[in-house]
Every structure is written in C-alpha cells, then in structure tokens.
Amino acid sequence: TTAVDYAKKIIAENHVLAICPEGKRVKDKNGVPQKAKAGVALIARD
C-alpha cells in the first residue's frame, strides 16, 4: 500500500505514472501478455 499510495501522489501532482499491469516480466509463453493485477485499475479509480 505504501508504493500504491506513492503512485497516487505522483498522479495527484500531475506527473505521469508508468506501470506494467502484469506485475512481473513474461519470461516464456512467447511473450504473450498475461492477465493483469488489480493495481492499475485501483490507482486509476482512486
């Protein structure tokens, strides 16, 4: 939650946040994007 709150602070101060919704690198599976963690939507909502 500390990192998420900091991410919200970044946006609140009109900076741009970059995030990888999957949460970790896709090391196999031919590089096909995988399902997202909740973080990106949670931060957008808040």
All heavy atoms as atom14 arrays in JSON, in Angstrom:
{
  "sequence": "TTAVDYAKKIIAENHVLAICPEGKRVKDKNGVPQKAKAGVALIARD",
  "atom14_mask": [
    [1, 1, 1, 1, 1, 1, 1, 0, 0, 0, 0, 0, 0, 0],
    [1, 1, 1, 1, 1, 1, 1, 0, 0, 0, 0, 0, 0, 0],
    [1, 1, 1, 1, 1, 0, 0, 0, 0, 0, 0, 0, 0, 0],
    [1, 1, 1, 1, 1, 1, 1, 0, 0, 0, 0, 0, 0, 0],
    [1, 1, 1, 1, 1, 1, 1, 1, 0, 0, 0, 0, 0, 0],
    [1, 1, 1, 1, 1, 1, 1, 1, 1, 1, 1, 1, 0, 0],
    [1, 1, 1, 1, 1, 0, 0, 0, 0, 0, 0, 0, 0, 0],
    [1, 1, 1, 1, 1, 1, 1, 1, 1, 0, 0, 0, 0, 0],
    [1, 1, 1, 1, 1, 1, 1, 1, 1, 0, 0, 0, 0, 0],
    [1, 1, 1, 1, 1, 1, 1, 1, 0, 0, 0, 0, 0, 0],
    [1, 1, 1, 1, 1, 1, 1, 1, 0, 0, 0, 0, 0, 0],
    [1, 1, 1, 1, 1, 0, 0, 0, 0, 0, 0, 0, 0, 0],
    [1, 1, 1, 1, 1, 1, 1, 1, 1, 0, 0, 0, 0, 0],
    [1, 1, 1, 1, 1, 1, 1, 1, 0, 0, 0, 0, 0, 0],
    [1, 1, 1, 1, 1, 1, 1, 1, 1, 1, 0, 0, 0, 0],
    [1, 1, 1, 1, 1, 1, 1, 0, 0, 0, 0, 0, 0, 0],
    [1, 1, 1, 1, 1, 1, 1, 1, 0, 0, 0, 0, 0, 0],
    [1, 1, 1, 1, 1, 0, 0, 0, 0, 0, 0, 0, 0, 0],
    [1, 1, 1, 1, 1, 1, 1, 1, 0, 0, 0, 0, 0, 0],
    [1, 1, 1, 1, 1, 1, 0, 0, 0, 0, 0, 0, 0, 0],
    [1, 1, 1, 1, 1, 1, 1, 0, 0, 0, 0, 0, 0, 0],
    [1, 1, 1, 1, 1, 1, 1, 1, 1, 0, 0, 0, 0, 0],
    [1, 1, 1, 1, 0, 0, 0, 0, 0, 0, 0, 0, 0, 0],
    [1, 1, 1, 1, 1, 1, 1, 1, 1, 0, 0, 0, 0, 0],
    [1, 1, 1, 1, 1, 1, 1, 1, 1, 1, 1, 0, 0, 0],
    [1, 1, 1, 1, 1, 1, 1, 0, 0, 0, 0, 0, 0, 0],
    [1, 1, 1, 1, 1, 1, 1, 1, 1, 0, 0, 0, 0, 0],
    [1, 1, 1, 1, 1, 1, 1, 1, 0, 0, 0, 0, 0, 0],
    [1, 1, 1, 1, 1, 1, 1, 1, 1, 0, 0, 0, 0, 0],
    [1, 1, 1, 1, 1, 1, 1, 1, 0, 0, 0, 0, 0, 0],
    [1, 1, 1, 1, 0, 0, 0, 0, 0, 0, 0, 0, 0, 0],
    [1, 1, 1, 1, 1, 1, 1, 0, 0, 0, 0, 0, 0, 0],
    [1, 1, 1, 1, 1, 1, 1, 0, 0, 0, 0, 0, 0, 0],
    [1, 1, 1, 1, 1, 1, 1, 1, 1, 0, 0, 0, 0, 0],
    [1, 1, 1, 1, 1, 1, 1, 1, 1, 0, 0, 0, 0, 0],
    [1, 1, 1, 1, 1, 0, 0, 0, 0, 0, 0, 0, 0, 0],
    [1, 1, 1, 1, 1, 1, 1, 1, 1, 0, 0, 0, 0, 0],
    [1, 1, 1, 1, 1, 0, 0, 0, 0, 0, 0, 0, 0, 0],
    [1, 1, 1, 1, 0, 0, 0, 0, 0, 0, 0, 0, 0, 0],
    [1, 1, 1, 1, 1, 1, 1, 0, 0, 0, 0, 0, 0, 0],
    [1, 1, 1, 1, 1, 0, 0, 0, 0, 0, 0, 0, 0, 0],
    [1, 1, 1, 1, 1, 1, 1, 1, 0, 0, 0, 0, 0, 0],
    [1, 1, 1, 1, 1, 1, 1, 1, 0, 0, 0, 0, 0, 0],
    [1, 1, 1, 1, 1, 0, 0, 0, 0, 0, 0, 0, 0, 0],
    [1, 1, 1, 1, 1, 1, 1, 1, 1, 1, 1, 0, 0, 0],
    [1, 1, 1, 1, 1, 1, 1, 1, 0, 0, 0, 0, 0, 0]
  ],
  "atom14_positions": [
    [[0.81, -1.21, 0.0], [0.0, 0.0, 0.0], [0.85, 1.27, 0.0], [0.42, 2.31, -0.5], [-0.94, 0.02, 1.21], [-0.18, -0.1, 2.42], [-1.94, -1.14, 1.13], [0.0, 0.0, 0.0], [0.0, 0.0, 0.0], [0.0, 0.0, 0.0], [0.0, 0.0, 0.0], [0.0, 0.0, 0.0], [0.0, 0.0, 0.0], [0.0, 0.0, 0.0]],
    [[2.07, 1.19, 0.54], [2.95, 2.36, 0.55], [3.3, 2.77, -0.88], [3.25, 3.95, -1.24], [4.23, 2.08, 1.34], [3.89, 1.73, 2.68], [5.14, 3.3, 1.35], [0.0, 0.0, 0.0], [0.0, 0.0, 0.0], [0.0, 0.0, 0.0], [0.0, 0.0, 0.0], [0.0, 0.0, 0.0], [0.0, 0.0, 0.0], [0.0, 0.0, 0.0]],
    [[3.66, 1.79, -1.7], [4.0, 2.07, -3.1], [2.77, 2.55, -3.88], [2.87, 3.46, -4.71], [4.58, 0.82, -3.76], [0.0, 0.0, 0.0], [0.0, 0.0, 0.0], [0.0, 0.0, 0.0], [0.0, 0.0, 0.0], [0.0, 0.0, 0.0], [0.0, 0.0, 0.0], [0.0, 0.0, 0.0], [0.0, 0.0, 0.0], [0.0, 0.0, 0.0]],
    [[1.62, 1.95, -3.6], [0.39, 2.36, -4.29], [0.02, 3.79, -3.91], [-0.34, 4.6, -4.77], [-0.76, 1.39, -3.96], [-2.09, 1.94, -4.49], [-0.49, 0.02, -4.56], [0.0, 0.0, 0.0], [0.0, 0.0, 0.0], [0.0, 0.0, 0.0], [0.0, 0.0, 0.0], [0.0, 0.0, 0.0], [0.0, 0.0, 0.0], [0.0, 0.0, 0.0]],
    [[0.14, 4.13, -2.64], [-0.16, 5.5, -2.21], [0.8, 6.5, -2.83], [0.41, 7.62, -3.19], [-0.09, 5.6, -0.67], [-1.25, 4.91, 0.02], [-2.26, 4.61, -0.66], [-1.14, 4.64, 1.23], [0.0, 0.0, 0.0], [0.0, 0.0, 0.0], [0.0, 0.0, 0.0], [0.0, 0.0, 0.0], [0.0, 0.0, 0.0], [0.0, 0.0, 0.0]],
    [[2.07, 6.09, -2.98], [3.04, 6.97, -3.63], [2.69, 7.15, -5.11], [2.81, 8.26, -5.65], [4.44, 6.39, -3.48], [5.54, 7.25, -4.06], [5.94, 8.41, -3.39], [6.18, 6.91, -5.23], [6.96, 9.21, -3.91], [7.19, 7.71, -5.76], [7.58, 8.85, -5.09], [8.58, 9.65, -5.61], [0.0, 0.0, 0.0], [0.0, 0.0, 0.0]],
    [[2.23, 6.08, -5.75], [1.8, 6.18, -7.15], [0.65, 7.17, -7.29], [0.61, 7.96, -8.24], [1.39, 4.8, -7.65], [0.0, 0.0, 0.0], [0.0, 0.0, 0.0], [0.0, 0.0, 0.0], [0.0, 0.0, 0.0], [0.0, 0.0, 0.0], [0.0, 0.0, 0.0], [0.0, 0.0, 0.0], [0.0, 0.0, 0.0], [0.0, 0.0, 0.0]],
    [[-0.26, 7.15, -6.34], [-1.38, 8.1, -6.37], [-0.88, 9.52, -6.18], [-1.39, 10.47, -6.8], [-2.4, 7.74, -5.28], [-3.09, 6.4, -5.49], [-4.0, 6.08, -4.31], [-4.58, 4.68, -4.41], [-5.41, 4.35, -3.22], [0.0, 0.0, 0.0], [0.0, 0.0, 0.0], [0.0, 0.0, 0.0], [0.0, 0.0, 0.0], [0.0, 0.0, 0.0]],
    [[0.12, 9.69, -5.32], [0.71, 11.02, -5.09], [1.33, 11.55, -6.38], [1.22, 12.74, -6.7], [1.76, 10.93, -3.98], [2.36, 12.28, -3.56], [3.61, 12.09, -2.7], [3.31, 11.37, -1.4], [2.64, 12.32, -0.45], [0.0, 0.0, 0.0], [0.0, 0.0, 0.0], [0.0, 0.0, 0.0], [0.0, 0.0, 0.0], [0.0, 0.0, 0.0]],
    [[2.01, 10.66, -7.12], [2.63, 11.04, -8.4], [1.59, 11.63, -9.33], [1.79, 12.69, -9.94], [3.31, 9.82, -9.05], [4.58, 9.45, -8.28], [3.62, 10.08, -10.52], [5.13, 8.09, -8.65], [0.0, 0.0, 0.0], [0.0, 0.0, 0.0], [0.0, 0.0, 0.0], [0.0, 0.0, 0.0], [0.0, 0.0, 0.0], [0.0, 0.0, 0.0]],
    [[0.46, 10.96, -9.45], [-0.6, 11.42, -10.34], [-1.25, 12.69, -9.83], [-1.53, 13.63, -10.59], [-1.65, 10.31, -10.54], [-0.99, 9.11, -11.25], [-2.85, 10.81, -11.34], [-1.84, 7.87, -11.27], [0.0, 0.0, 0.0], [0.0, 0.0, 0.0], [0.0, 0.0, 0.0], [0.0, 0.0, 0.0], [0.0, 0.0, 0.0], [0.0, 0.0, 0.0]],
    [[-1.48, 12.75, -8.52], [-2.1, 13.93, -7.92], [-1.28, 15.19, -8.17], [-1.84, 16.29, -8.27], [-2.3, 13.71, -6.43], [0.0, 0.0, 0.0], [0.0, 0.0, 0.0], [0.0, 0.0, 0.0], [0.0, 0.0, 0.0], [0.0, 0.0, 0.0], [0.0, 0.0, 0.0], [0.0, 0.0, 0.0], [0.0, 0.0, 0.0], [0.0, 0.0, 0.0]],
    [[0.04, 15.03, -8.29], [0.92, 16.17, -8.53], [1.21, 16.37, -10.02], [2.17, 17.04, -10.4], [2.21, 16.0, -7.72], [1.96, 16.0, -6.22], [3.24, 15.98, -5.39], [4.33, 16.21, -5.97], [3.15, 15.74, -4.18], [0.0, 0.0, 0.0], [0.0, 0.0, 0.0], [0.0, 0.0, 0.0], [0.0, 0.0, 0.0], [0.0, 0.0, 0.0]],
    [[0.36, 15.75, -10.86], [0.4, 15.95, -12.32], [1.66, 15.42, -12.99], [2.1, 15.95, -14.01], [0.19, 17.42, -12.68], [-1.21, 17.9, -12.36], [-2.18, 17.2, -12.64], [-1.33, 19.07, -11.77], [0.0, 0.0, 0.0], [0.0, 0.0, 0.0], [0.0, 0.0, 0.0], [0.0, 0.0, 0.0], [0.0, 0.0, 0.0], [0.0, 0.0, 0.0]],
    [[2.22, 14.36, -12.41], [3.29, 13.63, -13.08], [2.66, 12.41, -13.76], [1.5, 12.08, -13.53], [4.35, 13.19, -12.07], [4.97, 14.31, -11.31], [5.81, 15.24, -11.89], [4.86, 14.68, -10.0], [6.2, 16.12, -10.98], [5.64, 15.8, -9.83], [0.0, 0.0, 0.0], [0.0, 0.0, 0.0], [0.0, 0.0, 0.0], [0.0, 0.0, 0.0]],
    [[3.44, 11.74, -14.58], [2.93, 10.57, -15.3], [3.5, 9.3, -14.68], [4.71, 9.16, -14.5], [3.3, 10.63, -16.81], [2.81, 9.38, -17.53], [2.68, 11.87, -17.44], [0.0, 0.0, 0.0], [0.0, 0.0, 0.0], [0.0, 0.0, 0.0], [0.0, 0.0, 0.0], [0.0, 0.0, 0.0], [0.0, 0.0, 0.0], [0.0, 0.0, 0.0]],
    [[2.61, 8.38, -14.37], [3.0, 7.08, -13.81], [3.06, 6.04, -14.91], [2.15, 5.94, -15.74], [1.96, 6.66, -12.76], [2.13, 5.25, -12.18], [3.37, 5.17, -11.3], [0.88, 4.85, -11.39], [0.0, 0.0, 0.0], [0.0, 0.0, 0.0], [0.0, 0.0, 0.0], [0.0, 0.0, 0.0], [0.0, 0.0, 0.0], [0.0, 0.0, 0.0]],
    [[4.14, 5.27, -14.94], [4.25, 4.14, -15.85], [4.16, 2.86, -15.03], [4.81, 2.74, -14.0], [5.56, 4.18, -16.64], [0.0, 0.0, 0.0], [0.0, 0.0, 0.0], [0.0, 0.0, 0.0], [0.0, 0.0, 0.0], [0.0, 0.0, 0.0], [0.0, 0.0, 0.0], [0.0, 0.0, 0.0], [0.0, 0.0, 0.0], [0.0, 0.0, 0.0]],
    [[3.35, 1.92, -15.48], [3.14, 0.7, -14.72], [2.99, -0.49, -15.67], [2.45, -0.35, -16.78], [1.9, 0.83, -13.81], [1.75, -0.37, -12.87], [0.64, 1.05, -14.63], [0.67, -0.18, -11.81], [0.0, 0.0, 0.0], [0.0, 0.0, 0.0], [0.0, 0.0, 0.0], [0.0, 0.0, 0.0], [0.0, 0.0, 0.0], [0.0, 0.0, 0.0]],
    [[3.51, -1.63, -15.25], [3.32, -2.87, -16.0], [2.22, -3.65, -15.28], [2.48, -4.23, -14.21], [4.61, -3.67, -16.07], [5.94, -2.84, -16.96], [0.0, 0.0, 0.0], [0.0, 0.0, 0.0], [0.0, 0.0, 0.0], [0.0, 0.0, 0.0], [0.0, 0.0, 0.0], [0.0, 0.0, 0.0], [0.0, 0.0, 0.0], [0.0, 0.0, 0.0]],
    [[1.0, -3.66, -15.81], [-0.13, -4.26, -15.08], [0.05, -5.72, -14.72], [-0.54, -6.19, -13.74], [-1.3, -4.07, -16.06], [-0.93, -2.88, -16.87], [0.56, -3.0, -17.05], [0.0, 0.0, 0.0], [0.0, 0.0, 0.0], [0.0, 0.0, 0.0], [0.0, 0.0, 0.0], [0.0, 0.0, 0.0], [0.0, 0.0, 0.0], [0.0, 0.0, 0.0]],
    [[0.86, -6.46, -15.49], [1.05, -7.88, -15.2], [1.81, -8.11, -13.89], [1.74, -9.18, -13.29], [1.83, -8.56, -16.34], [1.08, -8.54, -17.65], [2.03, -8.49, -18.83], [2.74, -7.47, -18.96], [2.06, -9.44, -19.61], [0.0, 0.0, 0.0], [0.0, 0.0, 0.0], [0.0, 0.0, 0.0], [0.0, 0.0, 0.0], [0.0, 0.0, 0.0]],
    [[2.58, -7.12, -13.46], [3.29, -7.21, -12.2], [4.67, -7.83, -12.29], [5.51, -7.62, -11.42], [0.0, 0.0, 0.0], [0.0, 0.0, 0.0], [0.0, 0.0, 0.0], [0.0, 0.0, 0.0], [0.0, 0.0, 0.0], [0.0, 0.0, 0.0], [0.0, 0.0, 0.0], [0.0, 0.0, 0.0], [0.0, 0.0, 0.0], [0.0, 0.0, 0.0]],
    [[4.93, -8.61, -13.32], [6.25, -9.2, -13.5], [6.47, -9.5, -14.97], [5.52, -9.55, -15.75], [6.42, -10.47, -12.67], [5.43, -11.58, -13.01], [5.64, -12.79, -12.11], [4.66, -13.91, -12.45], [4.85, -15.09, -11.58], [0.0, 0.0, 0.0], [0.0, 0.0, 0.0], [0.0, 0.0, 0.0], [0.0, 0.0, 0.0], [0.0, 0.0, 0.0]],
    [[7.72, -9.73, -15.31], [8.05, -10.0, -16.71], [7.49, -11.33, -17.18], [7.43, -12.3, -16.42], [9.58, -10.02, -16.89], [10.21, -8.67, -16.98], [11.7, -8.81, -17.25], [12.42, -9.33, -16.1], [13.68, -9.76, -16.13], [14.33, -9.76, -17.28], [14.27, -10.18, -15.04], [0.0, 0.0, 0.0], [0.0, 0.0, 0.0], [0.0, 0.0, 0.0]],
    [[7.11, -11.35, -18.46], [6.7, -12.59, -19.09], [7.95, -13.22, -19.68], [8.46, -12.8, -20.71], [5.65, -12.33, -20.2], [5.27, -13.63, -20.89], [4.42, -11.65, -19.62], [0.0, 0.0, 0.0], [0.0, 0.0, 0.0], [0.0, 0.0, 0.0], [0.0, 0.0, 0.0], [0.0, 0.0, 0.0], [0.0, 0.0, 0.0], [0.0, 0.0, 0.0]],
    [[8.48, -14.25, -19.01], [9.76, -14.83, -19.42], [9.6, -15.96, -20.44], [10.56, -16.37, -21.07], [10.5, -15.35, -18.19], [10.9, -14.25, -17.22], [11.68, -14.79, -16.04], [12.07, -13.68, -15.09], [12.84, -14.18, -13.92], [0.0, 0.0, 0.0], [0.0, 0.0, 0.0], [0.0, 0.0, 0.0], [0.0, 0.0, 0.0], [0.0, 0.0, 0.0]],
    [[8.39, -16.47, -20.58], [8.16, -17.51, -21.57], [6.83, -17.23, -22.25], [6.49, -16.08, -22.47], [8.19, -18.91, -20.92], [7.32, -18.98, -19.68], [6.43, -18.13, -19.51], [7.54, -19.89, -18.86], [0.0, 0.0, 0.0], [0.0, 0.0, 0.0], [0.0, 0.0, 0.0], [0.0, 0.0, 0.0], [0.0, 0.0, 0.0], [0.0, 0.0, 0.0]],
    [[6.08, -18.24, -22.62], [4.76, -18.07, -23.24], [4.83, -17.18, -24.48], [3.89, -16.47, -24.81], [3.76, -17.52, -22.22], [3.6, -18.44, -21.0], [2.65, -17.87, -19.98], [2.58, -18.79, -18.76], [1.72, -18.26, -17.68], [0.0, 0.0, 0.0], [0.0, 0.0, 0.0], [0.0, 0.0, 0.0], [0.0, 0.0, 0.0], [0.0, 0.0, 0.0]],
    [[5.99, -17.22, -25.17], [6.2, -16.47, -26.4], [5.97, -14.97, -26.24], [5.65, -14.28, -27.2], [5.3, -17.02, -27.51], [5.64, -18.46, -27.86], [6.81, -18.83, -27.92], [4.63, -19.28, -28.06], [0.0, 0.0, 0.0], [0.0, 0.0, 0.0], [0.0, 0.0, 0.0], [0.0, 0.0, 0.0], [0.0, 0.0, 0.0], [0.0, 0.0, 0.0]],
    [[6.14, -14.48, -25.03], [5.99, -13.04, -24.8], [4.56, -12.54, -24.81], [4.34, -11.32, -24.78], [0.0, 0.0, 0.0], [0.0, 0.0, 0.0], [0.0, 0.0, 0.0], [0.0, 0.0, 0.0], [0.0, 0.0, 0.0], [0.0, 0.0, 0.0], [0.0, 0.0, 0.0], [0.0, 0.0, 0.0], [0.0, 0.0, 0.0], [0.0, 0.0, 0.0]],
    [[3.59, -13.43, -24.88], [2.18, -13.02, -24.94], [1.8, -12.38, -23.61], [2.03, -12.97, -22.55], [1.26, -14.22, -25.23], [-0.21, -13.8, -25.18], [1.59, -14.82, -26.59], [0.0, 0.0, 0.0], [0.0, 0.0, 0.0], [0.0, 0.0, 0.0], [0.0, 0.0, 0.0], [0.0, 0.0, 0.0], [0.0, 0.0, 0.0], [0.0, 0.0, 0.0]],
    [[1.22, -11.17, -23.62], [0.83, -10.52, -22.37], [-0.11, -11.4, -21.55], [-0.96, -12.1, -22.1], [0.12, -9.24, -22.85], [0.75, -8.95, -24.17], [0.98, -10.31, -24.8], [0.0, 0.0, 0.0], [0.0, 0.0, 0.0], [0.0, 0.0, 0.0], [0.0, 0.0, 0.0], [0.0, 0.0, 0.0], [0.0, 0.0, 0.0], [0.0, 0.0, 0.0]],
    [[0.05, -11.35, -20.24], [-0.74, -12.17, -19.33], [-1.76, -11.31, -18.58], [-1.83, -10.1, -18.78], [0.19, -12.89, -18.35], [1.22, -13.77, -19.03], [0.6, -14.87, -19.88], [-0.12, -15.71, -19.37], [0.89, -14.86, -21.17], [0.0, 0.0, 0.0], [0.0, 0.0, 0.0], [0.0, 0.0, 0.0], [0.0, 0.0, 0.0], [0.0, 0.0, 0.0]],
    [[-2.54, -11.94, -17.73], [-3.58, -11.21, -17.0], [-2.96, -10.18, -16.06], [-1.85, -10.35, -15.58], [-4.46, -12.19, -16.23], [-5.41, -12.98, -17.13], [-6.45, -13.69, -16.32], [-7.48, -14.37, -17.23], [-8.25, -13.37, -18.01], [0.0, 0.0, 0.0], [0.0, 0.0, 0.0], [0.0, 0.0, 0.0], [0.0, 0.0, 0.0], [0.0, 0.0, 0.0]],
    [[-3.72, -9.13, -15.82], [-3.24, -8.02, -15.01], [-3.53, -8.23, -13.54], [-4.49, -8.92, -13.17], [-3.9, -6.72, -15.48], [0.0, 0.0, 0.0], [0.0, 0.0, 0.0], [0.0, 0.0, 0.0], [0.0, 0.0, 0.0], [0.0, 0.0, 0.0], [0.0, 0.0, 0.0], [0.0, 0.0, 0.0], [0.0, 0.0, 0.0], [0.0, 0.0, 0.0]],
    [[-2.7, -7.62, -12.72], [-3.01, -7.47, -11.31], [-4.0, -6.3, -11.18], [-4.22, -5.55, -12.11], [-1.75, -7.18, -10.5], [-0.63, -8.2, -10.68], [-1.0, -9.56, -10.13], [0.18, -10.52, -10.24], [-0.17, -11.88, -9.78], [0.0, 0.0, 0.0], [0.0, 0.0, 0.0], [0.0, 0.0, 0.0], [0.0, 0.0, 0.0], [0.0, 0.0, 0.0]],
    [[-4.56, -6.14, -10.01], [-5.6, -5.12, -9.82], [-5.05, -3.69, -9.79], [-5.79, -2.73, -10.01], [-6.36, -5.4, -8.53], [0.0, 0.0, 0.0], [0.0, 0.0, 0.0], [0.0, 0.0, 0.0], [0.0, 0.0, 0.0], [0.0, 0.0, 0.0], [0.0, 0.0, 0.0], [0.0, 0.0, 0.0], [0.0, 0.0, 0.0], [0.0, 0.0, 0.0]],
    [[-3.74, -3.54, -9.54], [-3.14, -2.25, -9.25], [-3.47, -1.12, -10.21], [-3.84, -0.03, -9.79], [0.0, 0.0, 0.0], [0.0, 0.0, 0.0], [0.0, 0.0, 0.0], [0.0, 0.0, 0.0], [0.0, 0.0, 0.0], [0.0, 0.0, 0.0], [0.0, 0.0, 0.0], [0.0, 0.0, 0.0], [0.0, 0.0, 0.0], [0.0, 0.0, 0.0]],
    [[-3.35, -1.36, -11.51], [-3.53, -0.28, -12.48], [-4.95, 0.27, -12.42], [-5.16, 1.5, -12.49], [-3.16, -0.74, -13.91], [-4.1, -1.83, -14.41], [-3.16, 0.45, -14.87], [0.0, 0.0, 0.0], [0.0, 0.0, 0.0], [0.0, 0.0, 0.0], [0.0, 0.0, 0.0], [0.0, 0.0, 0.0], [0.0, 0.0, 0.0], [0.0, 0.0, 0.0]],
    [[-5.94, -0.6, -12.27], [-7.33, -0.15, -12.2], [-7.62, 0.53, -10.88], [-8.35, 1.52, -10.8], [-8.28, -1.33, -12.42], [0.0, 0.0, 0.0], [0.0, 0.0, 0.0], [0.0, 0.0, 0.0], [0.0, 0.0, 0.0], [0.0, 0.0, 0.0], [0.0, 0.0, 0.0], [0.0, 0.0, 0.0], [0.0, 0.0, 0.0], [0.0, 0.0, 0.0]],
    [[-7.04, 0.01, -9.81], [-7.23, 0.59, -8.48], [-6.7, 2.02, -8.43], [-7.36, 2.94, -7.93], [-6.52, -0.28, -7.43], [-6.65, 0.15, -5.97], [-8.09, 0.0, -5.51], [-5.72, -0.69, -5.09], [0.0, 0.0, 0.0], [0.0, 0.0, 0.0], [0.0, 0.0, 0.0], [0.0, 0.0, 0.0], [0.0, 0.0, 0.0], [0.0, 0.0, 0.0]],
    [[-5.51, 2.22, -8.97], [-4.91, 3.55, -8.98], [-5.72, 4.49, -9.87], [-5.96, 5.66, -9.51], [-3.45, 3.48, -9.44], [-2.61, 2.69, -8.42], [-2.86, 4.88, -9.64], [-1.22, 2.33, -8.9], [0.0, 0.0, 0.0], [0.0, 0.0, 0.0], [0.0, 0.0, 0.0], [0.0, 0.0, 0.0], [0.0, 0.0, 0.0], [0.0, 0.0, 0.0]],
    [[-6.16, 4.0, -11.03], [-6.98, 4.82, -11.92], [-8.28, 5.23, -11.24], [-8.7, 6.39, -11.3], [-7.26, 4.06, -13.22], [0.0, 0.0, 0.0], [0.0, 0.0, 0.0], [0.0, 0.0, 0.0], [0.0, 0.0, 0.0], [0.0, 0.0, 0.0], [0.0, 0.0, 0.0], [0.0, 0.0, 0.0], [0.0, 0.0, 0.0], [0.0, 0.0, 0.0]],
    [[-8.93, 4.27, -10.59], [-10.2, 4.56, -9.91], [-10.03, 5.63, -8.83], [-10.83, 6.57, -8.73], [-10.74, 3.29, -9.27], [-12.11, 3.47, -8.59], [-12.41, 2.37, -7.6], [-11.5, 2.42, -6.44], [-11.56, 1.57, -5.42], [-12.46, 0.58, -5.43], [-10.73, 1.66, -4.4], [0.0, 0.0, 0.0], [0.0, 0.0, 0.0], [0.0, 0.0, 0.0]],
    [[-8.97, 5.5, -8.03], [-8.8, 6.39, -6.89], [-8.28, 7.78, -7.27], [-8.36, 8.71, -6.47], [-7.85, 5.75, -5.87], [-8.47, 4.55, -5.18], [-9.69, 4.32, -5.36], [-7.74, 3.83, -4.47], [0.0, 0.0, 0.0], [0.0, 0.0, 0.0], [0.0, 0.0, 0.0], [0.0, 0.0, 0.0], [0.0, 0.0, 0.0], [0.0, 0.0, 0.0]]
  ]
}
